[in-house]
Full PDB file with SEQRES, HELIX, SHEET, SSBOND, CRYST1, ORIGX, SCALE, CONECT and MASTER records, all heavy atoms in Angstrom:
SEQRES   1 A   39  PHE GLU ARG GLU ILE SER SER LEU VAL VAL THR ALA ASP          
SEQRES   2 A   39  GLN THR GLY ASP PRO VAL GLY ILE ILE THR LYS THR ASP          
SEQRES   3 A   39  VAL ILE GLU SER LEU THR TRP GLU ARG ASP ASP ARG ASN          
HELIX    1 AA1 LYS A   24  SER A   30  1                                   7    
SHEET    1 AA1 2 SER A   7  THR A  11  0                                        
SHEET    2 AA1 2 PRO A  18  THR A  23 -1                                        
CRYST1    1.000    1.000    1.000  90.00  90.00  90.00 P 1           1          
ORIGX1      1.000000  0.000000  0.000000        0.00000                         
ORIGX2      0.000000  1.000000  0.000000        0.00000                         
ORIGX3      0.000000  0.000000  1.000000        0.00000                         
SCALE1      1.000000  0.000000  0.000000        0.00000                         
SCALE2      0.000000  1.000000  0.000000        0.00000                         
SCALE3      0.000000  0.000000  1.000000        0.00000                         
ATOM      1  N   PHE A   1      41.304 112.914  24.849  1.00  0.00           N  
ATOM      2  CA  PHE A   1      41.164 111.968  25.959  1.00  0.00           C  
ATOM      3  C   PHE A   1      40.933 112.696  27.290  1.00  0.00           C  
ATOM      4  O   PHE A   1      40.089 112.298  28.080  1.00  0.00           O  
ATOM      5  CB  PHE A   1      42.373 111.068  26.056  1.00  0.00           C  
ATOM      6  CG  PHE A   1      42.420 109.990  24.989  1.00  0.00           C  
ATOM      7  CD1 PHE A   1      43.577 109.281  24.743  1.00  0.00           C  
ATOM      8  CD2 PHE A   1      41.304 109.693  24.237  1.00  0.00           C  
ATOM      9  CE1 PHE A   1      43.635 108.276  23.783  1.00  0.00           C  
ATOM     10  CE2 PHE A   1      41.335 108.712  23.256  1.00  0.00           C  
ATOM     11  CZ  PHE A   1      42.482 108.005  23.040  1.00  0.00           C  
ATOM     12  N   GLU A   2      41.678 113.767  27.515  1.00  0.00           N  
ATOM     13  CA  GLU A   2      41.566 114.484  28.771  1.00  0.00           C  
ATOM     14  C   GLU A   2      40.202 115.135  28.926  1.00  0.00           C  
ATOM     15  O   GLU A   2      39.620 115.169  30.002  1.00  0.00           O  
ATOM     16  CB  GLU A   2      42.663 115.554  28.872  1.00  0.00           C  
ATOM     17  CG  GLU A   2      44.053 115.001  29.125  1.00  0.00           C  
ATOM     18  CD  GLU A   2      45.096 116.100  29.241  1.00  0.00           C  
ATOM     19  OE1 GLU A   2      44.757 117.272  28.937  1.00  0.00           O  
ATOM     20  OE2 GLU A   2      46.240 115.792  29.604  1.00  0.00           O  
ATOM     21  N   ARG A   3      39.671 115.686  27.808  1.00  0.00           N  
ATOM     22  CA  ARG A   3      38.388 116.406  27.860  1.00  0.00           C  
ATOM     23  C   ARG A   3      37.206 115.514  27.524  1.00  0.00           C  
ATOM     24  O   ARG A   3      36.063 115.964  27.564  1.00  0.00           O  
ATOM     25  CB  ARG A   3      38.438 117.591  26.910  1.00  0.00           C  
ATOM     26  CG  ARG A   3      39.564 118.598  27.189  1.00  0.00           C  
ATOM     27  CD  ARG A   3      39.384 119.269  28.527  1.00  0.00           C  
ATOM     28  NE  ARG A   3      38.189 120.114  28.567  1.00  0.00           N  
ATOM     29  CZ  ARG A   3      38.172 121.416  28.236  1.00  0.00           C  
ATOM     30  NH1 ARG A   3      39.329 122.014  27.892  1.00  0.00           N  
ATOM     31  NH2 ARG A   3      37.076 122.110  28.274  1.00  0.00           N  
ATOM     32  N   GLU A   4      37.481 114.260  27.152  1.00  0.00           N  
ATOM     33  CA  GLU A   4      36.427 113.303  26.787  1.00  0.00           C  
ATOM     34  C   GLU A   4      35.561 113.840  25.649  1.00  0.00           C  
ATOM     35  O   GLU A   4      34.334 113.876  25.724  1.00  0.00           O  
ATOM     36  CB  GLU A   4      35.542 112.951  27.994  1.00  0.00           C  
ATOM     37  CG  GLU A   4      36.318 112.252  29.095  1.00  0.00           C  
ATOM     38  CD  GLU A   4      35.429 111.818  30.242  1.00  0.00           C  
ATOM     39  OE1 GLU A   4      34.416 112.510  30.496  1.00  0.00           O  
ATOM     40  OE2 GLU A   4      35.719 110.800  30.867  1.00  0.00           O  
ATOM     41  N   ILE A   5      36.225 114.272  24.581  1.00  0.00           N  
ATOM     42  CA  ILE A   5      35.566 114.800  23.413  1.00  0.00           C  
ATOM     43  C   ILE A   5      36.125 114.126  22.177  1.00  0.00           C  
ATOM     44  O   ILE A   5      37.169 113.453  22.232  1.00  0.00           O  
ATOM     45  CB  ILE A   5      35.731 116.337  23.292  1.00  0.00           C  
ATOM     46  CG1 ILE A   5      37.212 116.713  23.323  1.00  0.00           C  
ATOM     47  CG2 ILE A   5      34.960 117.046  24.395  1.00  0.00           C  
ATOM     48  CD1 ILE A   5      37.463 118.199  23.199  1.00  0.00           C  
ATOM     49  N   SER A   6      35.421 114.246  21.052  1.00  0.00           N  
ATOM     50  CA  SER A   6      35.840 113.545  19.835  1.00  0.00           C  
ATOM     51  C   SER A   6      36.332 114.454  18.733  1.00  0.00           C  
ATOM     52  O   SER A   6      36.699 114.004  17.670  1.00  0.00           O  
ATOM     53  CB  SER A   6      34.690 112.695  19.307  1.00  0.00           C  
ATOM     54  OG  SER A   6      33.564 113.497  19.039  1.00  0.00           O  
ATOM     55  N   SER A   7      36.314 115.786  18.960  1.00  0.00           N  
ATOM     56  CA  SER A   7      36.746 116.691  17.902  1.00  0.00           C  
ATOM     57  C   SER A   7      37.091 118.061  18.496  1.00  0.00           C  
ATOM     58  O   SER A   7      36.601 118.426  19.567  1.00  0.00           O  
ATOM     59  CB  SER A   7      35.662 116.828  16.840  1.00  0.00           C  
ATOM     60  OG  SER A   7      34.409 116.993  17.431  1.00  0.00           O  
ATOM     61  N   LEU A   8      37.946 118.783  17.803  1.00  0.00           N  
ATOM     62  CA  LEU A   8      38.377 120.113  18.213  1.00  0.00           C  
ATOM     63  C   LEU A   8      38.174 121.086  17.067  1.00  0.00           C  
ATOM     64  O   LEU A   8      38.350 120.731  15.889  1.00  0.00           O  
ATOM     65  CB  LEU A   8      39.847 120.127  18.605  1.00  0.00           C  
ATOM     66  CG  LEU A   8      40.331 119.077  19.617  1.00  0.00           C  
ATOM     67  CD1 LEU A   8      41.852 119.207  19.813  1.00  0.00           C  
ATOM     68  CD2 LEU A   8      39.618 119.237  20.931  1.00  0.00           C  
ATOM     69  N   VAL A   9      37.866 122.321  17.406  1.00  0.00           N  
ATOM     70  CA  VAL A   9      37.813 123.384  16.395  1.00  0.00           C  
ATOM     71  C   VAL A   9      39.249 123.854  16.167  1.00  0.00           C  
ATOM     72  O   VAL A   9      39.990 124.141  17.103  1.00  0.00           O  
ATOM     73  CB  VAL A   9      36.920 124.538  16.854  1.00  0.00           C  
ATOM     74  CG1 VAL A   9      36.963 125.686  15.860  1.00  0.00           C  
ATOM     75  CG2 VAL A   9      35.488 124.051  17.021  1.00  0.00           C  
ATOM     76  N   VAL A  10      39.639 123.930  14.913  1.00  0.00           N  
ATOM     77  CA  VAL A  10      40.980 124.358  14.536  1.00  0.00           C  
ATOM     78  C   VAL A  10      41.017 125.858  14.334  1.00  0.00           C  
ATOM     79  O   VAL A  10      40.145 126.428  13.678  1.00  0.00           O  
ATOM     80  CB  VAL A  10      41.450 123.631  13.248  1.00  0.00           C  
ATOM     81  CG1 VAL A  10      42.864 124.086  12.852  1.00  0.00           C  
ATOM     82  CG2 VAL A  10      41.378 122.114  13.435  1.00  0.00           C  
ATOM     83  N   THR A  11      42.026 126.523  14.902  1.00  0.00           N  
ATOM     84  CA  THR A  11      42.157 127.966  14.774  1.00  0.00           C  
ATOM     85  C   THR A  11      43.468 128.320  14.097  1.00  0.00           C  
ATOM     86  O   THR A  11      44.464 127.594  14.188  1.00  0.00           O  
ATOM     87  CB  THR A  11      42.085 128.657  16.148  1.00  0.00           C  
ATOM     88  OG1 THR A  11      43.142 128.147  16.979  1.00  0.00           O  
ATOM     89  CG2 THR A  11      40.758 128.384  16.819  1.00  0.00           C  
ATOM     90  N   ALA A  12      43.466 129.468  13.426  1.00  0.00           N  
ATOM     91  CA  ALA A  12      44.679 129.975  12.773  1.00  0.00           C  
ATOM     92  C   ALA A  12      45.695 130.358  13.838  1.00  0.00           C  
ATOM     93  O   ALA A  12      45.331 130.901  14.900  1.00  0.00           O  
ATOM     94  CB  ALA A  12      44.341 131.178  11.911  1.00  0.00           C  
ATOM     95  N   ASP A  13      46.961 130.092  13.591  1.00  0.00           N  
ATOM     96  CA  ASP A  13      48.010 130.345  14.575  1.00  0.00           C  
ATOM     97  C   ASP A  13      48.098 131.809  14.972  1.00  0.00           C  
ATOM     98  O   ASP A  13      48.259 132.154  16.130  1.00  0.00           O  
ATOM     99  CB  ASP A  13      49.359 129.877  14.044  1.00  0.00           C  
ATOM    100  CG  ASP A  13      49.470 128.367  14.016  1.00  0.00           C  
ATOM    101  OD1 ASP A  13      48.526 127.694  14.444  1.00  0.00           O  
ATOM    102  OD2 ASP A  13      50.508 127.859  13.551  1.00  0.00           O  
ATOM    103  N   GLN A  14      48.011 132.700  13.989  1.00  0.00           N  
ATOM    104  CA  GLN A  14      48.231 134.130  14.237  1.00  0.00           C  
ATOM    105  C   GLN A  14      46.985 134.841  14.764  1.00  0.00           C  
ATOM    106  O   GLN A  14      47.067 135.594  15.721  1.00  0.00           O  
ATOM    107  CB  GLN A  14      48.729 134.807  12.948  1.00  0.00           C  
ATOM    108  CG  GLN A  14      50.000 134.231  12.382  1.00  0.00           C  
ATOM    109  CD  GLN A  14      51.141 134.333  13.361  1.00  0.00           C  
ATOM    110  OE1 GLN A  14      51.281 135.310  14.095  1.00  0.00           O  
ATOM    111  NE2 GLN A  14      52.002 133.300  13.395  1.00  0.00           N  
ATOM    112  N   THR A  15      45.832 134.593  14.143  1.00  0.00           N  
ATOM    113  CA  THR A  15      44.619 135.338  14.480  1.00  0.00           C  
ATOM    114  C   THR A  15      43.722 134.662  15.488  1.00  0.00           C  
ATOM    115  O   THR A  15      42.911 135.321  16.145  1.00  0.00           O  
ATOM    116  CB  THR A  15      43.814 135.610  13.218  1.00  0.00           C  
ATOM    117  OG1 THR A  15      43.333 134.373  12.686  1.00  0.00           O  
ATOM    118  CG2 THR A  15      44.670 136.325  12.164  1.00  0.00           C  
ATOM    119  N   GLY A  16      43.804 133.344  15.608  1.00  0.00           N  
ATOM    120  CA  GLY A  16      42.909 132.613  16.487  1.00  0.00           C  
ATOM    121  C   GLY A  16      41.525 132.416  15.912  1.00  0.00           C  
ATOM    122  O   GLY A  16      40.621 131.921  16.590  1.00  0.00           O  
ATOM    123  N   ASP A  17      41.340 132.768  14.638  1.00  0.00           N  
ATOM    124  CA  ASP A  17      40.025 132.603  13.997  1.00  0.00           C  
ATOM    125  C   ASP A  17      39.768 131.126  13.716  1.00  0.00           C  
ATOM    126  O   ASP A  17      40.686 130.373  13.356  1.00  0.00           O  
ATOM    127  CB  ASP A  17      39.969 133.382  12.676  1.00  0.00           C  
ATOM    128  CG  ASP A  17      40.044 134.868  12.873  1.00  0.00           C  
ATOM    129  OD1 ASP A  17      39.650 135.322  13.974  1.00  0.00           O  
ATOM    130  OD2 ASP A  17      40.472 135.574  11.948  1.00  0.00           O  
ATOM    131  N   PRO A  18      38.506 130.651  13.875  1.00  0.00           N  
ATOM    132  CA  PRO A  18      38.203 129.259  13.515  1.00  0.00           C  
ATOM    133  C   PRO A  18      38.334 129.022  12.033  1.00  0.00           C  
ATOM    134  O   PRO A  18      37.781 129.776  11.220  1.00  0.00           O  
ATOM    135  CB  PRO A  18      36.748 129.098  13.993  1.00  0.00           C  
ATOM    136  CG  PRO A  18      36.202 130.494  14.044  1.00  0.00           C  
ATOM    137  CD  PRO A  18      37.332 131.376  14.390  1.00  0.00           C  
ATOM    138  N   VAL A  19      39.100 127.981  11.675  1.00  0.00           N  
ATOM    139  CA  VAL A  19      39.361 127.732  10.253  1.00  0.00           C  
ATOM    140  C   VAL A  19      39.011 126.316   9.825  1.00  0.00           C  
ATOM    141  O   VAL A  19      39.081 125.978   8.654  1.00  0.00           O  
ATOM    142  CB  VAL A  19      40.846 127.998   9.891  1.00  0.00           C  
ATOM    143  CG1 VAL A  19      41.178 129.461  10.054  1.00  0.00           C  
ATOM    144  CG2 VAL A  19      41.773 127.124  10.749  1.00  0.00           C  
ATOM    145  N   GLY A  20      38.624 125.457  10.763  1.00  0.00           N  
ATOM    146  CA  GLY A  20      38.309 124.081  10.380  1.00  0.00           C  
ATOM    147  C   GLY A  20      38.025 123.202  11.577  1.00  0.00           C  
ATOM    148  O   GLY A  20      37.796 123.666  12.682  1.00  0.00           O  
ATOM    149  N   ILE A  21      38.070 121.904  11.324  1.00  0.00           N  
ATOM    150  CA  ILE A  21      37.724 120.871  12.321  1.00  0.00           C  
ATOM    151  C   ILE A  21      38.747 119.762  12.252  1.00  0.00           C  
ATOM    152  O   ILE A  21      39.232 119.392  11.192  1.00  0.00           O  
ATOM    153  CB  ILE A  21      36.337 120.285  11.994  1.00  0.00           C  
ATOM    154  CG1 ILE A  21      35.232 121.309  12.257  1.00  0.00           C  
ATOM    155  CG2 ILE A  21      36.070 119.015  12.801  1.00  0.00           C  
ATOM    156  CD1 ILE A  21      35.025 121.641  13.706  1.00  0.00           C  
ATOM    157  N   ILE A  22      39.111 119.222  13.431  1.00  0.00           N  
ATOM    158  CA  ILE A  22      39.920 118.001  13.491  1.00  0.00           C  
ATOM    159  C   ILE A  22      39.168 117.013  14.382  1.00  0.00           C  
ATOM    160  O   ILE A  22      38.769 117.355  15.511  1.00  0.00           O  
ATOM    161  CB  ILE A  22      41.358 118.288  14.042  1.00  0.00           C  
ATOM    162  CG1 ILE A  22      42.203 117.016  14.071  1.00  0.00           C  
ATOM    163  CG2 ILE A  22      41.322 118.955  15.397  1.00  0.00           C  
ATOM    164  CD1 ILE A  22      42.717 116.590  12.721  1.00  0.00           C  
ATOM    165  N   THR A  23      38.949 115.811  13.864  1.00  0.00           N  
ATOM    166  CA  THR A  23      38.173 114.815  14.595  1.00  0.00           C  
ATOM    167  C   THR A  23      38.983 113.542  14.805  1.00  0.00           C  
ATOM    168  O   THR A  23      40.068 113.374  14.230  1.00  0.00           O  
ATOM    169  CB  THR A  23      36.897 114.426  13.796  1.00  0.00           C  
ATOM    170  OG1 THR A  23      37.297 113.684  12.645  1.00  0.00           O  
ATOM    171  CG2 THR A  23      36.137 115.680  13.363  1.00  0.00           C  
ATOM    172  N   LYS A  24      38.455 112.654  15.632  1.00  0.00           N  
ATOM    173  CA  LYS A  24      39.109 111.362  15.796  1.00  0.00           C  
ATOM    174  C   LYS A  24      39.191 110.631  14.453  1.00  0.00           C  
ATOM    175  O   LYS A  24      40.143 109.904  14.190  1.00  0.00           O  
ATOM    176  CB  LYS A  24      38.358 110.520  16.825  1.00  0.00           C  
ATOM    177  CG  LYS A  24      38.533 110.968  18.260  1.00  0.00           C  
ATOM    178  CD  LYS A  24      37.816 110.062  19.246  1.00  0.00           C  
ATOM    179  CE  LYS A  24      38.072 110.514  20.698  1.00  0.00           C  
ATOM    180  NZ  LYS A  24      37.357 109.684  21.678  1.00  0.00           N  
ATOM    181  N   THR A  25      38.160 110.816  13.628  1.00  0.00           N  
ATOM    182  CA  THR A  25      38.187 110.204  12.290  1.00  0.00           C  
ATOM    183  C   THR A  25      39.394 110.687  11.508  1.00  0.00           C  
ATOM    184  O   THR A  25      40.074 109.892  10.860  1.00  0.00           O  
ATOM    185  CB  THR A  25      36.911 110.582  11.517  1.00  0.00           C  
ATOM    186  OG1 THR A  25      35.779 110.150  12.239  1.00  0.00           O  
ATOM    187  CG2 THR A  25      36.919 109.927  10.135  1.00  0.00           C  
ATOM    188  N   ASP A  26      39.662 111.986  11.562  1.00  0.00           N  
ATOM    189  CA  ASP A  26      40.792 112.540  10.826  1.00  0.00           C  
ATOM    190  C   ASP A  26      42.110 111.963  11.315  1.00  0.00           C  
ATOM    191  O   ASP A  26      43.005 111.673  10.511  1.00  0.00           O  
ATOM    192  CB  ASP A  26      40.825 114.058  10.954  1.00  0.00           C  
ATOM    193  CG  ASP A  26      39.607 114.740  10.362  1.00  0.00           C  
ATOM    194  OD1 ASP A  26      39.120 114.253   9.345  1.00  0.00           O  
ATOM    195  OD2 ASP A  26      39.142 115.753  10.928  1.00  0.00           O  
ATOM    196  N   VAL A  27      42.241 111.802  12.623  1.00  0.00           N  
ATOM    197  CA  VAL A  27      43.487 111.257  13.171  1.00  0.00           C  
ATOM    198  C   VAL A  27      43.634 109.781  12.782  1.00  0.00           C  
ATOM    199  O   VAL A  27      44.713 109.335  12.358  1.00  0.00           O  
ATOM    200  CB  VAL A  27      43.526 111.416  14.706  1.00  0.00           C  
ATOM    201  CG1 VAL A  27      44.851 110.867  15.245  1.00  0.00           C  
ATOM    202  CG2 VAL A  27      43.376 112.876  15.085  1.00  0.00           C  
ATOM    203  N   ILE A  28      42.556 109.010  12.891  1.00  0.00           N  
ATOM    204  CA  ILE A  28      42.592 107.611  12.459  1.00  0.00           C  
ATOM    205  C   ILE A  28      42.967 107.536  10.985  1.00  0.00           C  
ATOM    206  O   ILE A  28      43.768 106.680  10.571  1.00  0.00           O  
ATOM    207  CB  ILE A  28      41.241 106.938  12.713  1.00  0.00           C  
ATOM    208  CG1 ILE A  28      41.012 106.681  14.194  1.00  0.00           C  
ATOM    209  CG2 ILE A  28      41.147 105.603  11.951  1.00  0.00           C  
ATOM    210  CD1 ILE A  28      41.847 105.552  14.780  1.00  0.00           C  
ATOM    211  N   GLU A  29      42.406 108.444  10.192  1.00  0.00           N  
ATOM    212  CA  GLU A  29      42.703 108.417   8.739  1.00  0.00           C  
ATOM    213  C   GLU A  29      44.174 108.667   8.445  1.00  0.00           C  
ATOM    214  O   GLU A  29      44.742 108.165   7.482  1.00  0.00           O  
ATOM    215  CB  GLU A  29      41.849 109.414   8.003  1.00  0.00           C  
ATOM    216  CG  GLU A  29      41.975 109.299   6.486  1.00  0.00           C  
ATOM    217  CD  GLU A  29      40.986 110.178   5.744  1.00  0.00           C  
ATOM    218  OE1 GLU A  29      40.326 110.995   6.376  1.00  0.00           O  
ATOM    219  OE2 GLU A  29      40.906 110.005   4.514  1.00  0.00           O  
ATOM    220  N   SER A  30      44.836 109.459   9.307  1.00  0.00           N  
ATOM    221  CA  SER A  30      46.259 109.718   9.078  1.00  0.00           C  
ATOM    222  C   SER A  30      47.070 108.446   9.155  1.00  0.00           C  
ATOM    223  O   SER A  30      48.150 108.340   8.558  1.00  0.00           O  
ATOM    224  CB  SER A  30      46.784 110.734  10.120  1.00  0.00           C  
ATOM    225  OG  SER A  30      46.910 110.152  11.399  1.00  0.00           O  
ATOM    226  N   LEU A  31      46.574 107.421   9.845  1.00  0.00           N  
ATOM    227  CA  LEU A  31      47.260 106.133   9.930  1.00  0.00           C  
ATOM    228  C   LEU A  31      47.130 105.348   8.640  1.00  0.00           C  
ATOM    229  O   LEU A  31      47.831 104.352   8.410  1.00  0.00           O  
ATOM    230  CB  LEU A  31      46.695 105.284  11.070  1.00  0.00           C  
ATOM    231  CG  LEU A  31      46.695 105.935  12.459  1.00  0.00           C  
ATOM    232  CD1 LEU A  31      46.105 104.967  13.477  1.00  0.00           C  
ATOM    233  CD2 LEU A  31      48.073 106.362  12.860  1.00  0.00           C  
ATOM    234  N   THR A  32      46.206 105.750   7.775  1.00  0.00           N  
ATOM    235  CA  THR A  32      45.984 105.002   6.533  1.00  0.00           C  
ATOM    236  C   THR A  32      46.645 105.663   5.324  1.00  0.00           C  
ATOM    237  O   THR A  32      46.525 105.150   4.211  1.00  0.00           O  
ATOM    238  CB  THR A  32      44.474 104.866   6.237  1.00  0.00           C  
ATOM    239  OG1 THR A  32      43.946 106.148   5.808  1.00  0.00           O  
ATOM    240  CG2 THR A  32      43.725 104.387   7.442  1.00  0.00           C  
ATOM    241  N   TRP A  33      47.321 106.792   5.537  1.00  0.00           N  
ATOM    242  CA  TRP A  33      47.997 107.459   4.420  1.00  0.00           C  
ATOM    243  C   TRP A  33      48.936 106.492   3.746  1.00  0.00           C  
ATOM    244  O   TRP A  33      49.672 105.752   4.391  1.00  0.00           O  
ATOM    245  CB  TRP A  33      48.765 108.706   4.866  1.00  0.00           C  
ATOM    246  CG  TRP A  33      47.892 109.831   5.271  1.00  0.00           C  
ATOM    247  CD1 TRP A  33      46.602 110.033   4.929  1.00  0.00           C  
ATOM    248  CD2 TRP A  33      48.259 110.916   6.121  1.00  0.00           C  
ATOM    249  NE1 TRP A  33      46.121 111.179   5.495  1.00  0.00           N  
ATOM    250  CE2 TRP A  33      47.123 111.741   6.225  1.00  0.00           C  
ATOM    251  CE3 TRP A  33      49.438 111.281   6.769  1.00  0.00           C  
ATOM    252  CZ2 TRP A  33      47.117 112.916   6.957  1.00  0.00           C  
ATOM    253  CZ3 TRP A  33      49.448 112.447   7.514  1.00  0.00           C  
ATOM    254  CH2 TRP A  33      48.306 113.256   7.602  1.00  0.00           C  
ATOM    255  N   GLU A  34      48.945 106.523   2.449  1.00  0.00           N  
ATOM    256  CA  GLU A  34      49.771 105.602   1.677  1.00  0.00           C  
ATOM    257  C   GLU A  34      51.144 106.167   1.352  1.00  0.00           C  
ATOM    258  O   GLU A  34      51.264 107.351   1.021  1.00  0.00           O  
ATOM    259  CB  GLU A  34      49.060 105.240   0.355  1.00  0.00           C  
ATOM    260  CG  GLU A  34      47.782 104.458   0.538  1.00  0.00           C  
ATOM    261  CD  GLU A  34      48.023 103.134   1.178  1.00  0.00           C  
ATOM    262  OE1 GLU A  34      48.976 102.437   0.796  1.00  0.00           O  
ATOM    263  OE2 GLU A  34      47.275 102.777   2.080  1.00  0.00           O  
ATOM    264  N   ARG A  35      52.155 105.358   1.437  1.00  0.00           N  
ATOM    265  CA  ARG A  35      53.447 105.768   0.930  1.00  0.00           C  
ATOM    266  C   ARG A  35      53.407 105.777  -0.580  1.00  0.00           C  
ATOM    267  O   ARG A  35      52.559 105.156  -1.208  1.00  0.00           O  
ATOM    268  CB  ARG A  35      54.532 104.805   1.421  1.00  0.00           C  
ATOM    269  CG  ARG A  35      54.666 104.776   2.929  1.00  0.00           C  
ATOM    270  CD  ARG A  35      55.833 103.934   3.330  1.00  0.00           C  
ATOM    271  NE  ARG A  35      55.715 102.578   2.819  1.00  0.00           N  
ATOM    272  CZ  ARG A  35      56.696 101.708   2.789  1.00  0.00           C  
ATOM    273  NH1 ARG A  35      57.875 102.041   3.209  1.00  0.00           N  
ATOM    274  NH2 ARG A  35      56.496 100.490   2.317  1.00  0.00           N  
ATOM    275  N   ASP A  36      54.351 106.467  -1.207  1.00  0.00           N  
ATOM    276  CA  ASP A  36      54.316 106.651  -2.657  1.00  0.00           C  
ATOM    277  C   ASP A  36      54.379 105.350  -3.436  1.00  0.00           C  
ATOM    278  O   ASP A  36      53.925 105.280  -4.566  1.00  0.00           O  
ATOM    279  CB  ASP A  36      55.486 107.566  -3.099  1.00  0.00           C  
ATOM    280  CG  ASP A  36      55.299 108.987  -2.565  1.00  0.00           C  
ATOM    281  OD1 ASP A  36      54.150 109.345  -2.235  1.00  0.00           O  
ATOM    282  OD2 ASP A  36      56.310 109.713  -2.489  1.00  0.00           O  
ATOM    283  N   ASP A  37      54.962 104.292  -2.836  1.00  0.00           N  
ATOM    284  CA  ASP A  37      55.110 103.046  -3.580  1.00  0.00           C  
ATOM    285  C   ASP A  37      53.914 102.119  -3.382  1.00  0.00           C  
ATOM    286  O   ASP A  37      53.949 100.955  -3.759  1.00  0.00           O  
ATOM    287  CB  ASP A  37      56.411 102.339  -3.163  1.00  0.00           C  
ATOM    288  CG  ASP A  37      56.434 101.992  -1.688  1.00  0.00           C  
ATOM    289  OD1 ASP A  37      55.632 102.572  -0.924  1.00  0.00           O  
ATOM    290  OD2 ASP A  37      57.260 101.142  -1.301  1.00  0.00           O  
ATOM    291  N   ARG A  38      52.822 102.610  -2.813  1.00  0.00           N  
ATOM    292  CA  ARG A  38      51.651 101.776  -2.623  1.00  0.00           C  
ATOM    293  C   ARG A  38      50.535 102.261  -3.510  1.00  0.00           C  
ATOM    294  O   ARG A  38      50.456 103.407  -3.929  1.00  0.00           O  
ATOM    295  CB  ARG A  38      51.220 101.798  -1.147  1.00  0.00           C  
ATOM    296  CG  ARG A  38      52.291 101.192  -0.240  1.00  0.00           C  
ATOM    297  CD  ARG A  38      51.755 101.067   1.152  1.00  0.00           C  
ATOM    298  NE  ARG A  38      52.812 100.452   1.983  1.00  0.00           N  
ATOM    299  CZ  ARG A  38      52.624  99.369   2.657  1.00  0.00           C  
ATOM    300  NH1 ARG A  38      51.493  98.715   2.627  1.00  0.00           N  
ATOM    301  NH2 ARG A  38      53.596  98.866   3.404  1.00  0.00           N  
ATOM    302  N   ASN A  39      49.590 101.364  -3.804  1.00  0.00           N  
ATOM    303  CA  ASN A  39      48.480 101.704  -4.680  1.00  0.00           C  
ATOM    304  C   ASN A  39      47.481 102.627  -3.995  1.00  0.00           C  
ATOM    305  O   ASN A  39      47.244 102.511  -2.785  1.00  0.00           O  
ATOM    306  CB  ASN A  39      47.756 100.434  -5.121  1.00  0.00           C  
ATOM    307  CG  ASN A  39      48.640  99.563  -5.984  1.00  0.00           C  
ATOM    308  OD1 ASN A  39      49.256 100.025  -6.927  1.00  0.00           O  
ATOM    309  ND2 ASN A  39      48.702  98.285  -5.649  1.00  0.00           N  
TER     310      ASN A  39                                                      
MASTER        0    0    0    1    2    0    0    6  309    1    0    3          
END                                                                             
């Protein structure tokens, strides 16, 4: 929101190397994760 962007490059904690992507889609999808008792 602060930078007006929709995704960030993910870096490793220790080395700072780029290892992946996190997008608004990924965050929205985290809201749809199912609990174990759901289909």
